[in-house]
């Protein structure tokens, strides 16, 4: 009888520890998703170069040279897909792996931390 009580207490302890670990991991996962979401937003320094409309006269006003000189020389254009959240600068890197874990400012980007680099 005493052994059963000890086993019951031990199992209760294991279940409680398991749920505490699940709650802690869930909290971290929510924090991480929030960081990735915040990192995906474009800052004001690049939004001022974003073309507003994609009609001929607006595209002519889009100054790619200013964008390259003031933000990043690797930017080669802007992509926007209507009906989606895709509205970002397009980069042309010097190497295939340059922007796997970096943003358009060449800073580390947590949103890309799960992309594995292919090593030679």
C-alpha atoms as a PDB file:
ATOM      1  CA  UNK A   1       0.000   0.000   0.000  1.00  0.00           C
ATOM      2  CA  UNK A   2       2.784   2.352   0.876  1.00  0.00           C
ATOM      3  CA  UNK A   3       4.579   1.566  -2.394  1.00  0.00           C
ATOM      4  CA  UNK A   4       1.428   2.414  -4.355  1.00  0.00           C
ATOM      5  CA  UNK A   5       1.216   5.808  -2.646  1.00  0.00           C
ATOM      6  CA  UNK A   6       4.851   6.515  -3.503  1.00  0.00           C
ATOM      7  CA  UNK A   7       4.280   5.473  -7.119  1.00  0.00           C
ATOM      8  CA  UNK A   8       1.170   7.668  -7.250  1.00  0.00           C
ATOM      9  CA  UNK A   9       3.069  10.686  -5.886  1.00  0.00           C
ATOM     10  CA  UNK A  10       5.930  10.056  -8.303  1.00  0.00           C
ATOM     11  CA  UNK A  11       3.570   9.828 -11.278  1.00  0.00           C
ATOM     12  CA  UNK A  12       1.747  12.994 -10.165  1.00  0.00           C
ATOM     13  CA  UNK A  13       5.102  14.749  -9.941  1.00  0.00           C
ATOM     14  CA  UNK A  14       6.067  13.562 -13.450  1.00  0.00           C
ATOM     15  CA  UNK A  15       2.744  14.750 -14.904  1.00  0.00           C
ATOM     16  CA  UNK A  16       3.065  18.164 -13.244  1.00  0.00           C
ATOM     17  CA  UNK A  17       6.647  18.579 -14.474  1.00  0.00           C
ATOM     18  CA  UNK A  18       5.556  17.546 -17.970  1.00  0.00           C
ATOM     19  CA  UNK A  19       2.791  20.162 -18.040  1.00  0.00           C
ATOM     20  CA  UNK A  20       5.136  22.855 -16.727  1.00  0.00           C
ATOM     21  CA  UNK A  21       7.587  22.022 -19.529  1.00  0.00           C
ATOM     22  CA  UNK A  22       4.777  22.121 -22.121  1.00  0.00           C
ATOM     23  CA  UNK A  23       3.581  25.509 -20.852  1.00  0.00           C
ATOM     24  CA  UNK A  24       7.132  26.916 -20.825  1.00  0.00           C
ATOM     25  CA  UNK A  25       7.809  25.666 -24.347  1.00  0.00           C
ATOM     26  CA  UNK A  26       4.481  27.066 -25.564  1.00  0.00           C
ATOM     27  CA  UNK A  27       5.333  30.456 -24.089  1.00  0.00           C
ATOM     28  CA  UNK A  28       8.714  30.423 -25.806  1.00  0.00           C
ATOM     29  CA  UNK A  29       7.116  29.369 -29.106  1.00  0.00           C
ATOM     30  CA  UNK A  30       4.656  32.285 -28.917  1.00  0.00           C
ATOM     31  CA  UNK A  31       7.507  34.671 -28.137  1.00  0.00           C
ATOM     32  CA  UNK A  32       9.553  33.322 -31.057  1.00  0.00           C
ATOM     33  CA  UNK A  33       6.657  33.636 -33.498  1.00  0.00           C
ATOM     34  CA  UNK A  34       6.150  37.223 -32.361  1.00  0.00           C
ATOM     35  CA  UNK A  35       9.830  38.001 -32.953  1.00  0.00           C
ATOM     36  CA  UNK A  36       9.697  36.500 -36.441  1.00  0.00           C
ATOM     37  CA  UNK A  37       6.530  38.448 -37.212  1.00  0.00           C
ATOM     38  CA  UNK A  38       8.041  41.723 -35.987  1.00  0.00           C
ATOM     39  CA  UNK A  39      11.217  41.094 -37.957  1.00  0.00           C
ATOM     40  CA  UNK A  40       9.246  40.602 -41.170  1.00  0.00           C
ATOM     41  CA  UNK A  41       7.952  44.169 -41.062  1.00  0.00           C
ATOM     42  CA  UNK A  42       9.759  46.660 -43.239  1.00  0.00           C
ATOM     43  CA  UNK A  43      11.141  49.718 -41.517  1.00  0.00           C
ATOM     44  CA  UNK A  44      10.465  53.303 -42.500  1.00  0.00           C
ATOM     45  CA  UNK A  45      13.900  53.677 -44.100  1.00  0.00           C
ATOM     46  CA  UNK A  46      12.904  51.364 -46.947  1.00  0.00           C
ATOM     47  CA  UNK A  47       9.154  52.010 -47.093  1.00  0.00           C
ATOM     48  CA  UNK A  48       9.773  55.521 -48.386  1.00  0.00           C
ATOM     49  CA  UNK A  49      11.268  53.954 -51.551  1.00  0.00           C
ATOM     50  CA  UNK A  50       8.397  51.502 -52.064  1.00  0.00           C
ATOM     51  CA  UNK A  51       6.365  52.110 -55.222  1.00  0.00           C
ATOM     52  CA  UNK A  52       2.775  52.905 -54.274  1.00  0.00           C
ATOM     53  CA  UNK A  53       1.020  51.743 -57.433  1.00  0.00           C
ATOM     54  CA  UNK A  54       2.181  49.621 -60.293  1.00  0.00           C
ATOM     55  CA  UNK A  55       0.771  51.702 -63.098  1.00  0.00           C
ATOM     56  CA  UNK A  56       3.196  53.009 -65.706  1.00  0.00           C
ATOM     57  CA  UNK A  57       3.619  56.510 -64.312  1.00  0.00           C
ATOM     58  CA  UNK A  58       4.268  55.261 -60.746  1.00  0.00           C
ATOM     59  CA  UNK A  59       6.797  52.654 -61.857  1.00  0.00           C
ATOM     60  CA  UNK A  60       8.674  55.382 -63.699  1.00  0.00           C
ATOM     61  CA  UNK A  61       8.896  57.326 -60.412  1.00  0.00           C
ATOM     62  CA  UNK A  62      10.411  54.313 -58.613  1.00  0.00           C
ATOM     63  CA  UNK A  63      14.074  55.190 -58.199  1.00  0.00           C
ATOM     64  CA  UNK A  64      16.064  51.980 -57.859  1.00  0.00           C
ATOM     65  CA  UNK A  65      19.383  53.820 -57.754  1.00  0.00           C
ATOM     66  CA  UNK A  66      18.373  55.772 -54.640  1.00  0.00           C
ATOM     67  CA  UNK A  67      17.224  52.547 -53.006  1.00  0.00           C
ATOM     68  CA  UNK A  68      20.529  50.841 -53.795  1.00  0.00           C
ATOM     69  CA  UNK A  69      22.639  53.809 -52.658  1.00  0.00           C
ATOM     70  CA  UNK A  70      20.757  54.486 -49.417  1.00  0.00           C
ATOM     71  CA  UNK A  71      19.643  51.032 -48.233  1.00  0.00           C
ATOM     72  CA  UNK A  72      21.497  48.123 -49.866  1.00  0.00           C
ATOM     73  CA  UNK A  73      23.387  47.832 -53.127  1.00  0.00           C
ATOM     74  CA  UNK A  74      22.102  44.266 -53.622  1.00  0.00           C
ATOM     75  CA  UNK A  75      18.472  45.395 -54.091  1.00  0.00           C
ATOM     76  CA  UNK A  76      17.511  44.844 -57.723  1.00  0.00           C
ATOM     77  CA  UNK A  77      13.758  45.548 -57.611  1.00  0.00           C
ATOM     78  CA  UNK A  78      10.514  45.330 -55.670  1.00  0.00           C
ATOM     79  CA  UNK A  79       7.934  42.538 -55.723  1.00  0.00           C
ATOM     80  CA  UNK A  80       4.290  42.853 -54.758  1.00  0.00           C
ATOM     81  CA  UNK A  81       1.599  40.229 -55.244  1.00  0.00           C
ATOM     82  CA  UNK A  82      -1.922  41.569 -54.887  1.00  0.00           C
ATOM     83  CA  UNK A  83      -4.155  39.721 -52.444  1.00  0.00           C
ATOM     84  CA  UNK A  84      -1.181  38.538 -50.359  1.00  0.00           C
ATOM     85  CA  UNK A  85       1.231  40.039 -47.832  1.00  0.00           C
ATOM     86  CA  UNK A  86       4.108  39.779 -50.310  1.00  0.00           C
ATOM     87  CA  UNK A  87       5.427  43.321 -50.746  1.00  0.00           C
ATOM     88  CA  UNK A  88       9.212  43.324 -50.344  1.00  0.00           C
ATOM     89  CA  UNK A  89      12.438  44.384 -52.014  1.00  0.00           C
ATOM     90  CA  UNK A  90      14.153  41.784 -54.178  1.00  0.00           C
ATOM     91  CA  UNK A  91      17.842  41.186 -53.509  1.00  0.00           C
ATOM     92  CA  UNK A  92      20.503  39.816 -55.809  1.00  0.00           C
ATOM     93  CA  UNK A  93      23.271  38.437 -53.551  1.00  0.00           C
ATOM     94  CA  UNK A  94      26.936  38.009 -54.399  1.00  0.00           C
ATOM     95  CA  UNK A  95      26.820  34.375 -53.219  1.00  0.00           C
ATOM     96  CA  UNK A  96      24.010  31.837 -53.123  1.00  0.00           C
ATOM     97  CA  UNK A  97      23.915  31.725 -49.321  1.00  0.00           C
ATOM     98  CA  UNK A  98      24.340  35.393 -48.451  1.00  0.00           C
ATOM     99  CA  UNK A  99      20.725  36.197 -47.507  1.00  0.00           C
ATOM    100  CA  UNK A 100      19.603  32.846 -46.087  1.00  0.00           C
ATOM    101  CA  UNK A 101      19.869  34.202 -42.555  1.00  0.00           C
ATOM    102  CA  UNK A 102      19.979  37.960 -43.184  1.00  0.00           C
ATOM    103  CA  UNK A 103      17.447  40.648 -43.979  1.00  0.00           C
ATOM    104  CA  UNK A 104      17.709  43.378 -46.603  1.00  0.00           C
ATOM    105  CA  UNK A 105      19.935  45.406 -44.232  1.00  0.00           C
ATOM    106  CA  UNK A 106      22.393  42.482 -43.957  1.00  0.00           C
ATOM    107  CA  UNK A 107      21.430  41.985 -40.293  1.00  0.00           C
ATOM    108  CA  UNK A 108      20.777  38.552 -38.794  1.00  0.00           C
ATOM    109  CA  UNK A 109      17.117  37.669 -39.248  1.00  0.00           C
ATOM    110  CA  UNK A 110      15.453  35.229 -36.822  1.00  0.00           C
ATOM    111  CA  UNK A 111      12.779  34.454 -39.404  1.00  0.00           C
ATOM    112  CA  UNK A 112      15.349  32.627 -41.430  1.00  0.00           C
ATOM    113  CA  UNK A 113      17.122  30.762 -38.637  1.00  0.00           C
ATOM    114  CA  UNK A 114      15.599  27.398 -39.528  1.00  0.00           C
ATOM    115  CA  UNK A 115      16.888  27.433 -43.092  1.00  0.00           C
ATOM    116  CA  UNK A 116      19.865  25.147 -43.263  1.00  0.00           C
ATOM    117  CA  UNK A 117      22.923  26.185 -45.141  1.00  0.00           C
ATOM    118  CA  UNK A 118      24.411  23.768 -47.579  1.00  0.00           C
ATOM    119  CA  UNK A 119      28.077  23.530 -46.817  1.00  0.00           C
ATOM    120  CA  UNK A 120      30.609  22.546 -49.416  1.00  0.00           C
END
